[in-house]
Amino acid sequence: EKTAGHNVKRTCELLKVSRTAHYARRKGLPGPRAVR
């Protein structure tokens, strides 16, 4: 959707996903639970 020119904020709201979580998963770094 982002490459098609749509708004990431609106897409995340529709899918009920926080933008913060989306960008964190995009980086690919494991979370604190995975590290532990």
PDB file of all heavy atoms in Angstrom:
ATOM      1  N   GLU A   1       0.834  -1.207   0.000  1.00  0.00           N
ATOM      2  CA  GLU A   1       0.000   0.000   0.000  1.00  0.00           C
ATOM      3  C   GLU A   1       0.866   1.253   0.000  1.00  0.00           C
ATOM      4  O   GLU A   1       0.542   2.249  -0.635  1.00  0.00           O
ATOM      5  CB  GLU A   1      -0.935  -0.004   1.204  1.00  0.00           C
ATOM      6  CG  GLU A   1      -2.038  -1.036   1.125  1.00  0.00           C
ATOM      7  CD  GLU A   1      -3.011  -0.737   0.002  1.00  0.00           C
ATOM      8  OE1 GLU A   1      -3.501   0.406  -0.081  1.00  0.00           O
ATOM      9  OE2 GLU A   1      -3.269  -1.643  -0.809  1.00  0.00           O
ATOM     10  N   LYS A   2       1.983   1.206   0.720  1.00  0.00           N
ATOM     11  CA  LYS A   2       2.881   2.359   0.786  1.00  0.00           C
ATOM     12  C   LYS A   2       3.508   2.626  -0.584  1.00  0.00           C
ATOM     13  O   LYS A   2       3.584   3.789  -1.020  1.00  0.00           O
ATOM     14  CB  LYS A   2       3.971   2.101   1.828  1.00  0.00           C
ATOM     15  CG  LYS A   2       4.921   3.253   2.003  1.00  0.00           C
ATOM     16  CD  LYS A   2       5.961   2.953   3.046  1.00  0.00           C
ATOM     17  CE  LYS A   2       6.937   4.097   3.150  1.00  0.00           C
ATOM     18  NZ  LYS A   2       8.004   3.825   4.099  1.00  0.00           N
ATOM     19  N   THR A   3       3.935   1.562  -1.266  1.00  0.00           N
ATOM     20  CA  THR A   3       4.535   1.758  -2.587  1.00  0.00           C
ATOM     21  C   THR A   3       3.503   2.208  -3.605  1.00  0.00           C
ATOM     22  O   THR A   3       3.851   2.856  -4.601  1.00  0.00           O
ATOM     23  CB  THR A   3       5.212   0.469  -3.095  1.00  0.00           C
ATOM     24  OG1 THR A   3       4.268  -0.591  -3.083  1.00  0.00           O
ATOM     25  CG2 THR A   3       6.412   0.111  -2.242  1.00  0.00           C
ATOM     26  N   ALA A   4       2.237   1.891  -3.364  1.00  0.00           N
ATOM     27  CA  ALA A   4       1.165   2.340  -4.263  1.00  0.00           C
ATOM     28  C   ALA A   4       0.786   3.791  -3.996  1.00  0.00           C
ATOM     29  O   ALA A   4      -0.042   4.356  -4.711  1.00  0.00           O
ATOM     30  CB  ALA A   4      -0.064   1.446  -4.110  1.00  0.00           C
ATOM     31  N   GLY A   5       1.371   4.400  -2.964  1.00  0.00           N
ATOM     32  CA  GLY A   5       1.131   5.810  -2.683  1.00  0.00           C
ATOM     33  C   GLY A   5       0.052   6.063  -1.645  1.00  0.00           C
ATOM     34  O   GLY A   5      -0.372   7.204  -1.462  1.00  0.00           O
ATOM     35  N   HIS A   6      -0.397   5.029  -0.955  1.00  0.00           N
ATOM     36  CA  HIS A   6      -1.421   5.222   0.080  1.00  0.00           C
ATOM     37  C   HIS A   6      -0.783   5.577   1.416  1.00  0.00           C
ATOM     38  O   HIS A   6       0.410   5.385   1.641  1.00  0.00           O
ATOM     39  CB  HIS A   6      -2.272   3.952   0.218  1.00  0.00           C
ATOM     40  CG  HIS A   6      -3.043   3.635  -1.026  1.00  0.00           C
ATOM     41  ND1 HIS A   6      -4.186   4.284  -1.376  1.00  0.00           N
ATOM     42  CD2 HIS A   6      -2.812   2.728  -2.014  1.00  0.00           C
ATOM     43  CE1 HIS A   6      -4.648   3.801  -2.508  1.00  0.00           C
ATOM     44  NE2 HIS A   6      -3.811   2.855  -2.927  1.00  0.00           N
ATOM     45  N   ASN A   7      -1.619   6.067   2.305  1.00  0.00           N
ATOM     46  CA  ASN A   7      -1.167   6.534   3.610  1.00  0.00           C
ATOM     47  C   ASN A   7      -0.938   5.339   4.541  1.00  0.00           C
ATOM     48  O   ASN A   7      -1.820   4.519   4.745  1.00  0.00           O
ATOM     49  CB  ASN A   7      -2.247   7.468   4.198  1.00  0.00           C
ATOM     50  CG  ASN A   7      -1.770   8.190   5.429  1.00  0.00           C
ATOM     51  OD1 ASN A   7      -0.699   7.929   5.943  1.00  0.00           O
ATOM     52  ND2 ASN A   7      -2.600   9.105   5.903  1.00  0.00           N
ATOM     53  N   VAL A   8       0.268   5.256   5.130  1.00  0.00           N
ATOM     54  CA  VAL A   8       0.607   4.162   6.040  1.00  0.00           C
ATOM     55  C   VAL A   8      -0.209   4.272   7.324  1.00  0.00           C
ATOM     56  O   VAL A   8      -0.672   3.257   7.857  1.00  0.00           O
ATOM     57  CB  VAL A   8       2.121   4.160   6.353  1.00  0.00           C
ATOM     58  CG1 VAL A   8       2.465   3.131   7.402  1.00  0.00           C
ATOM     59  CG2 VAL A   8       2.912   3.901   5.088  1.00  0.00           C
ATOM     60  N   LYS A   9      -0.425   5.499   7.790  1.00  0.00           N
ATOM     61  CA  LYS A   9      -1.179   5.689   9.022  1.00  0.00           C
ATOM     62  C   LYS A   9      -2.601   5.137   8.880  1.00  0.00           C
ATOM     63  O   LYS A   9      -3.091   4.404   9.735  1.00  0.00           O
ATOM     64  CB  LYS A   9      -1.233   7.177   9.378  1.00  0.00           C
ATOM     65  CG  LYS A   9      -2.007   7.466  10.636  1.00  0.00           C
ATOM     66  CD  LYS A   9      -2.045   8.959  10.931  1.00  0.00           C
ATOM     67  CE  LYS A   9      -2.904   9.219  12.153  1.00  0.00           C
ATOM     68  NZ  LYS A   9      -3.036  10.653  12.428  1.00  0.00           N
ATOM     69  N   ARG A  10      -3.238   5.464   7.777  1.00  0.00           N
ATOM     70  CA  ARG A  10      -4.617   5.014   7.546  1.00  0.00           C
ATOM     71  C   ARG A  10      -4.671   3.491   7.359  1.00  0.00           C
ATOM     72  O   ARG A  10      -5.564   2.827   7.872  1.00  0.00           O
ATOM     73  CB  ARG A  10      -5.179   5.724   6.307  1.00  0.00           C
ATOM     74  CG  ARG A  10      -6.580   5.340   5.972  1.00  0.00           C
ATOM     75  CD  ARG A  10      -7.570   5.920   6.975  1.00  0.00           C
ATOM     76  NE  ARG A  10      -8.911   5.537   6.559  1.00  0.00           N
ATOM     77  CZ  ARG A  10      -9.856   5.169   7.391  1.00  0.00           C
ATOM     78  NH1 ARG A  10      -9.627   5.164   8.684  1.00  0.00           N
ATOM     79  NH2 ARG A  10     -11.041   4.834   6.955  1.00  0.00           N
ATOM     80  N   THR A  11      -3.693   2.935   6.651  1.00  0.00           N
ATOM     81  CA  THR A  11      -3.647   1.488   6.442  1.00  0.00           C
ATOM     82  C   THR A  11      -3.475   0.753   7.768  1.00  0.00           C
ATOM     83  O   THR A  11      -4.142  -0.255   8.020  1.00  0.00           O
ATOM     84  CB  THR A  11      -2.497   1.121   5.488  1.00  0.00           C
ATOM     85  OG1 THR A  11      -2.600   1.901   4.303  1.00  0.00           O
ATOM     86  CG2 THR A  11      -2.517  -0.343   5.137  1.00  0.00           C
ATOM     87  N   CYS A  12      -2.607   1.268   8.612  1.00  0.00           N
ATOM     88  CA  CYS A  12      -2.393   0.639   9.919  1.00  0.00           C
ATOM     89  C   CYS A  12      -3.645   0.741  10.784  1.00  0.00           C
ATOM     90  O   CYS A  12      -3.974  -0.200  11.523  1.00  0.00           O
ATOM     91  CB  CYS A  12      -1.203   1.281  10.633  1.00  0.00           C
ATOM     92  SG  CYS A  12       0.380   0.844   9.902  1.00  0.00           S
ATOM     93  N   GLU A  13      -4.348   1.866  10.701  1.00  0.00           N
ATOM     94  CA  GLU A  13      -5.587   2.012  11.464  1.00  0.00           C
ATOM     95  C   GLU A  13      -6.636   1.005  10.993  1.00  0.00           C
ATOM     96  O   GLU A  13      -7.332   0.401  11.810  1.00  0.00           O
ATOM     97  CB  GLU A  13      -6.140   3.432  11.321  1.00  0.00           C
ATOM     98  CG  GLU A  13      -5.378   4.475  12.093  1.00  0.00           C
ATOM     99  CD  GLU A  13      -5.878   5.888  11.812  1.00  0.00           C
ATOM    100  OE1 GLU A  13      -6.806   6.046  10.988  1.00  0.00           O
ATOM    101  OE2 GLU A  13      -5.325   6.822  12.405  1.00  0.00           O
ATOM    102  N   LEU A  14      -6.754   0.817   9.687  1.00  0.00           N
ATOM    103  CA  LEU A  14      -7.736  -0.122   9.153  1.00  0.00           C
ATOM    104  C   LEU A  14      -7.414  -1.569   9.537  1.00  0.00           C
ATOM    105  O   LEU A  14      -8.313  -2.368   9.795  1.00  0.00           O
ATOM    106  CB  LEU A  14      -7.819   0.002   7.631  1.00  0.00           C
ATOM    107  CG  LEU A  14      -8.472   1.287   7.110  1.00  0.00           C
ATOM    108  CD1 LEU A  14      -8.325   1.359   5.596  1.00  0.00           C
ATOM    109  CD2 LEU A  14      -9.936   1.333   7.501  1.00  0.00           C
ATOM    110  N   LEU A  15      -6.127  -1.878   9.578  1.00  0.00           N
ATOM    111  CA  LEU A  15      -5.715  -3.244   9.925  1.00  0.00           C
ATOM    112  C   LEU A  15      -5.532  -3.440  11.425  1.00  0.00           C
ATOM    113  O   LEU A  15      -5.184  -4.541  11.861  1.00  0.00           O
ATOM    114  CB  LEU A  15      -4.410  -3.586   9.201  1.00  0.00           C
ATOM    115  CG  LEU A  15      -4.516  -3.640   7.684  1.00  0.00           C
ATOM    116  CD1 LEU A  15      -3.141  -3.816   7.072  1.00  0.00           C
ATOM    117  CD2 LEU A  15      -5.431  -4.774   7.267  1.00  0.00           C
ATOM    118  N   LYS A  16      -5.754  -2.376  12.189  1.00  0.00           N
ATOM    119  CA  LYS A  16      -5.627  -2.401  13.655  1.00  0.00           C
ATOM    120  C   LYS A  16      -4.224  -2.842  14.088  1.00  0.00           C
ATOM    121  O   LYS A  16      -4.043  -3.730  14.910  1.00  0.00           O
ATOM    122  CB  LYS A  16      -6.689  -3.304  14.278  1.00  0.00           C
ATOM    123  CG  LYS A  16      -8.085  -2.786  14.033  1.00  0.00           C
ATOM    124  CD  LYS A  16      -9.120  -3.651  14.666  1.00  0.00           C
ATOM    125  CE  LYS A  16     -10.493  -3.063  14.353  1.00  0.00           C
ATOM    126  NZ  LYS A  16     -11.570  -3.920  14.783  1.00  0.00           N
ATOM    127  N   VAL A  17      -3.221  -2.209  13.460  1.00  0.00           N
ATOM    128  CA  VAL A  17      -1.817  -2.442  13.774  1.00  0.00           C
ATOM    129  C   VAL A  17      -1.206  -1.084  14.082  1.00  0.00           C
ATOM    130  O   VAL A  17      -1.458  -0.109  13.368  1.00  0.00           O
ATOM    131  CB  VAL A  17      -1.083  -3.086  12.571  1.00  0.00           C
ATOM    132  CG1 VAL A  17       0.391  -3.258  12.860  1.00  0.00           C
ATOM    133  CG2 VAL A  17      -1.719  -4.395  12.203  1.00  0.00           C
ATOM    134  N   SER A  18      -0.413  -1.017  15.128  1.00  0.00           N
ATOM    135  CA  SER A  18       0.216   0.269  15.425  1.00  0.00           C
ATOM    136  C   SER A  18       1.365   0.517  14.454  1.00  0.00           C
ATOM    137  O   SER A  18       2.052  -0.415  14.023  1.00  0.00           O
ATOM    138  CB  SER A  18       0.734   0.296  16.865  1.00  0.00           C
ATOM    139  OG  SER A  18       1.820  -0.581  17.011  1.00  0.00           O
ATOM    140  N   ARG A  19       1.541   1.772  14.114  1.00  0.00           N
ATOM    141  CA  ARG A  19       2.628   2.114  13.193  1.00  0.00           C
ATOM    142  C   ARG A  19       3.978   1.805  13.825  1.00  0.00           C
ATOM    143  O   ARG A  19       4.913   1.381  13.140  1.00  0.00           O
ATOM    144  CB  ARG A  19       2.558   3.601  12.817  1.00  0.00           C
ATOM    145  CG  ARG A  19       1.510   3.886  11.778  1.00  0.00           C
ATOM    146  CD  ARG A  19       1.612   5.294  11.266  1.00  0.00           C
ATOM    147  NE  ARG A  19       1.384   6.245  12.357  1.00  0.00           N
ATOM    148  CZ  ARG A  19       1.793   7.505  12.350  1.00  0.00           C
ATOM    149  NH1 ARG A  19       2.449   7.971  11.320  1.00  0.00           N
ATOM    150  NH2 ARG A  19       1.537   8.299  13.360  1.00  0.00           N
ATOM    151  N   THR A  20       4.069   1.991  15.128  1.00  0.00           N
ATOM    152  CA  THR A  20       5.326   1.721  15.825  1.00  0.00           C
ATOM    153  C   THR A  20       5.707   0.253  15.679  1.00  0.00           C
ATOM    154  O   THR A  20       6.865  -0.076  15.389  1.00  0.00           O
ATOM    155  CB  THR A  20       5.189   2.080  17.315  1.00  0.00           C
ATOM    156  OG1 THR A  20       4.698   3.413  17.430  1.00  0.00           O
ATOM    157  CG2 THR A  20       6.506   1.957  18.030  1.00  0.00           C
ATOM    158  N   ALA A  21       4.738  -0.634  15.880  1.00  0.00           N
ATOM    159  CA  ALA A  21       5.018  -2.062  15.758  1.00  0.00           C
ATOM    160  C   ALA A  21       5.383  -2.411  14.318  1.00  0.00           C
ATOM    161  O   ALA A  21       6.281  -3.235  14.079  1.00  0.00           O
ATOM    162  CB  ALA A  21       3.808  -2.872  16.207  1.00  0.00           C
ATOM    163  N   HIS A  22       4.702  -1.796  13.366  1.00  0.00           N
ATOM    164  CA  HIS A  22       5.003  -2.069  11.952  1.00  0.00           C
ATOM    165  C   HIS A  22       6.440  -1.689  11.625  1.00  0.00           C
ATOM    166  O   HIS A  22       7.179  -2.471  11.013  1.00  0.00           O
ATOM    167  CB  HIS A  22       4.036  -1.304  11.048  1.00  0.00           C
ATOM    168  CG  HIS A  22       4.463  -1.251   9.627  1.00  0.00           C
ATOM    169  ND1 HIS A  22       4.508  -2.360   8.821  1.00  0.00           N
ATOM    170  CD2 HIS A  22       4.895  -0.206   8.864  1.00  0.00           C
ATOM    171  CE1 HIS A  22       4.941  -2.003   7.629  1.00  0.00           C
ATOM    172  NE2 HIS A  22       5.174  -0.707   7.623  1.00  0.00           N
ATOM    173  N   TYR A  23       6.858  -0.502  12.027  1.00  0.00           N
ATOM    174  CA  TYR A  23       8.218  -0.066  11.705  1.00  0.00           C
ATOM    175  C   TYR A  23       9.257  -0.843  12.508  1.00  0.00           C
ATOM    176  O   TYR A  23      10.369  -1.062  12.037  1.00  0.00           O
ATOM    177  CB  TYR A  23       8.360   1.437  11.922  1.00  0.00           C
ATOM    178  CG  TYR A  23       7.681   2.232  10.827  1.00  0.00           C
ATOM    179  CD1 TYR A  23       6.603   3.057  11.108  1.00  0.00           C
ATOM    180  CD2 TYR A  23       8.106   2.142   9.515  1.00  0.00           C
ATOM    181  CE1 TYR A  23       5.973   3.776  10.111  1.00  0.00           C
ATOM    182  CE2 TYR A  23       7.478   2.852   8.501  1.00  0.00           C
ATOM    183  CZ  TYR A  23       6.420   3.674   8.814  1.00  0.00           C
ATOM    184  OH  TYR A  23       5.798   4.373   7.813  1.00  0.00           O
ATOM    185  N   ALA A  24       8.903  -1.279  13.716  1.00  0.00           N
ATOM    186  CA  ALA A  24       9.839  -2.088  14.505  1.00  0.00           C
ATOM    187  C   ALA A  24      10.065  -3.448  13.839  1.00  0.00           C
ATOM    188  O   ALA A  24      11.194  -3.944  13.766  1.00  0.00           O
ATOM    189  CB  ALA A  24       9.306  -2.278  15.921  1.00  0.00           C
ATOM    190  N   ARG A  25       8.977  -4.068  13.338  1.00  0.00           N
ATOM    191  CA  ARG A  25       9.118  -5.349  12.640  1.00  0.00           C
ATOM    192  C   ARG A  25       9.854  -5.179  11.321  1.00  0.00           C
ATOM    193  O   ARG A  25      10.534  -6.091  10.849  1.00  0.00           O
ATOM    194  CB  ARG A  25       7.740  -5.968  12.392  1.00  0.00           C
ATOM    195  CG  ARG A  25       7.146  -6.617  13.611  1.00  0.00           C
ATOM    196  CD  ARG A  25       5.935  -7.448  13.249  1.00  0.00           C
ATOM    197  NE  ARG A  25       4.888  -6.681  12.608  1.00  0.00           N
ATOM    198  CZ  ARG A  25       3.877  -6.096  13.238  1.00  0.00           C
ATOM    199  NH1 ARG A  25       3.788  -6.183  14.545  1.00  0.00           N
ATOM    200  NH2 ARG A  25       2.959  -5.420  12.580  1.00  0.00           N
ATOM    201  N   ARG A  26       9.717  -4.015  10.734  1.00  0.00           N
ATOM    202  CA  ARG A  26      10.374  -3.737   9.463  1.00  0.00           C
ATOM    203  C   ARG A  26      11.890  -3.707   9.617  1.00  0.00           C
ATOM    204  O   ARG A  26      12.627  -4.134   8.725  1.00  0.00           O
ATOM    205  CB  ARG A  26       9.876  -2.393   8.957  1.00  0.00           C
ATOM    206  CG  ARG A  26      10.216  -2.087   7.549  1.00  0.00           C
ATOM    207  CD  ARG A  26       9.493  -0.846   7.128  1.00  0.00           C
ATOM    208  NE  ARG A  26      10.151  -0.262   5.981  1.00  0.00           N
ATOM    209  CZ  ARG A  26      10.039   0.986   5.614  1.00  0.00           C
ATOM    210  NH1 ARG A  26       9.266   1.795   6.308  1.00  0.00           N
ATOM    211  NH2 ARG A  26      10.654   1.433   4.566  1.00  0.00           N
ATOM    212  N   LYS A  27      12.355  -3.220  10.781  1.00  0.00           N
ATOM    213  CA  LYS A  27      13.794  -3.198  11.047  1.00  0.00           C
ATOM    214  C   LYS A  27      14.356  -4.609  11.192  1.00  0.00           C
ATOM    215  O   LYS A  27      15.515  -4.844  10.897  1.00  0.00           O
ATOM    216  CB  LYS A  27      14.097  -2.426  12.333  1.00  0.00           C
ATOM    217  CG  LYS A  27      13.963  -0.936  12.203  1.00  0.00           C
ATOM    218  CD  LYS A  27      14.330  -0.281  13.509  1.00  0.00           C
ATOM    219  CE  LYS A  27      14.158   1.215  13.443  1.00  0.00           C
ATOM    220  NZ  LYS A  27      14.432   1.851  14.746  1.00  0.00           N
ATOM    221  N   GLY A  28      13.536  -5.522  11.674  1.00  0.00           N
ATOM    222  CA  GLY A  28      13.975  -6.907  11.802  1.00  0.00           C
ATOM    223  C   GLY A  28      14.721  -7.209  13.081  1.00  0.00           C
ATOM    224  O   GLY A  28      15.253  -8.296  13.236  1.00  0.00           O
ATOM    225  N   LEU A  29      14.798  -6.270  13.999  1.00  0.00           N
ATOM    226  CA  LEU A  29      15.470  -6.535  15.267  1.00  0.00           C
ATOM    227  C   LEU A  29      14.555  -7.353  16.171  1.00  0.00           C
ATOM    228  O   LEU A  29      13.357  -7.083  16.257  1.00  0.00           O
ATOM    229  CB  LEU A  29      15.838  -5.218  15.954  1.00  0.00           C
ATOM    230  CG  LEU A  29      16.805  -4.316  15.211  1.00  0.00           C
ATOM    231  CD1 LEU A  29      16.978  -3.003  15.950  1.00  0.00           C
ATOM    232  CD2 LEU A  29      18.139  -5.008  15.038  1.00  0.00           C
ATOM    233  N   PRO A  30      15.100  -8.346  16.846  1.00  0.00           N
ATOM    234  CA  PRO A  30      14.253  -9.125  17.752  1.00  0.00           C
ATOM    235  C   PRO A  30      13.854  -8.292  18.968  1.00  0.00           C
ATOM    236  O   PRO A  30      14.615  -7.441  19.445  1.00  0.00           O
ATOM    237  CB  PRO A  30      15.143 -10.294  18.153  1.00  0.00           C
ATOM    238  CG  PRO A  30      16.534  -9.824  17.931  1.00  0.00           C
ATOM    239  CD  PRO A  30      16.467  -8.838  16.807  1.00  0.00           C
ATOM    240  N   GLY A  31      12.674  -8.558  19.450  1.00  0.00           N
ATOM    241  CA  GLY A  31      12.174  -7.847  20.614  1.00  0.00           C
ATOM    242  C   GLY A  31      12.808  -8.353  21.895  1.00  0.00           C
ATOM    243  O   GLY A  31      13.561  -9.329  21.900  1.00  0.00           O
ATOM    244  N   PRO A  32      12.494  -7.701  23.021  1.00  0.00           N
ATOM    245  CA  PRO A  32      13.098  -8.109  24.289  1.00  0.00           C
ATOM    246  C   PRO A  32      12.713  -9.526  24.705  1.00  0.00           C
ATOM    247  O   PRO A  32      13.515 -10.251  25.281  1.00  0.00           O
ATOM    248  CB  PRO A  32      12.576  -7.078  25.287  1.00  0.00           C
ATOM    249  CG  PRO A  32      11.489  -6.351  24.609  1.00  0.00           C
ATOM    250  CD  PRO A  32      11.661  -6.519  23.151  1.00  0.00           C
ATOM    251  N   ARG A  33      11.488  -9.939  24.382  1.00  0.00           N
ATOM    252  CA  ARG A  33      11.074 -11.292  24.749  1.00  0.00           C
ATOM    253  C   ARG A  33      11.857 -12.332  23.952  1.00  0.00           C
ATOM    254  O   ARG A  33      12.280 -13.362  24.486  1.00  0.00           O
ATOM    255  CB  ARG A  33       9.582 -11.473  24.508  1.00  0.00           C
ATOM    256  CG  ARG A  33       9.100 -12.853  24.892  1.00  0.00           C
ATOM    257  CD  ARG A  33       7.636 -13.004  24.666  1.00  0.00           C
ATOM    258  NE  ARG A  33       7.228 -14.363  24.978  1.00  0.00           N
ATOM    259  CZ  ARG A  33       6.069 -14.868  24.686  1.00  0.00           C
ATOM    260  NH1 ARG A  33       5.164 -14.136  24.068  1.00  0.00           N
ATOM    261  NH2 ARG A  33       5.771 -16.103  24.995  1.00  0.00           N
ATOM    262  N   ALA A  34      12.059 -12.077  22.665  1.00  0.00           N
ATOM    263  CA  ALA A  34      12.816 -13.011  21.836  1.00  0.00           C
ATOM    264  C   ALA A  34      14.267 -13.114  22.298  1.00  0.00           C
ATOM    265  O   ALA A  34      14.857 -14.202  22.297  1.00  0.00           O
ATOM    266  CB  ALA A  34      12.753 -12.586  20.372  1.00  0.00           C
ATOM    267  N   VAL A  35      14.836 -11.987  22.704  1.00  0.00           N
ATOM    268  CA  VAL A  35      16.216 -11.980  23.204  1.00  0.00           C
ATOM    269  C   VAL A  35      16.303 -12.792  24.490  1.00  0.00           C
ATOM    270  O   VAL A  35      17.199 -13.623  24.664  1.00  0.00           O
ATOM    271  CB  VAL A  35      16.709 -10.533  23.424  1.00  0.00           C
ATOM    272  CG1 VAL A  35      18.044 -10.507  24.134  1.00  0.00           C
ATOM    273  CG2 VAL A  35      16.804  -9.809  22.096  1.00  0.00           C
ATOM    274  N   ARG A  36      15.352 -12.572  25.394  1.00  0.00           N
ATOM    275  CA  ARG A  36      15.332 -13.308  26.665  1.00  0.00           C
ATOM    276  C   ARG A  36      15.088 -14.797  26.427  1.00  0.00           C
ATOM    277  O   ARG A  36      15.686 -15.643  27.103  1.00  0.00           O
ATOM    278  CB  ARG A  36      14.245 -12.719  27.574  1.00  0.00           C
ATOM    279  CG  ARG A  36      14.130 -13.382  28.914  1.00  0.00           C
ATOM    280  CD  ARG A  36      15.300 -13.047  29.811  1.00  0.00           C
ATOM    281  NE  ARG A  36      15.076 -13.640  31.111  1.00  0.00           N
ATOM    282  CZ  ARG A  36      15.974 -14.335  31.772  1.00  0.00           C
ATOM    283  NH1 ARG A  36      17.183 -14.473  31.282  1.00  0.00           N
ATOM    284  NH2 ARG A  36      15.702 -14.858  32.937  1.00  0.00           N
TER     285      ARG A  36
END
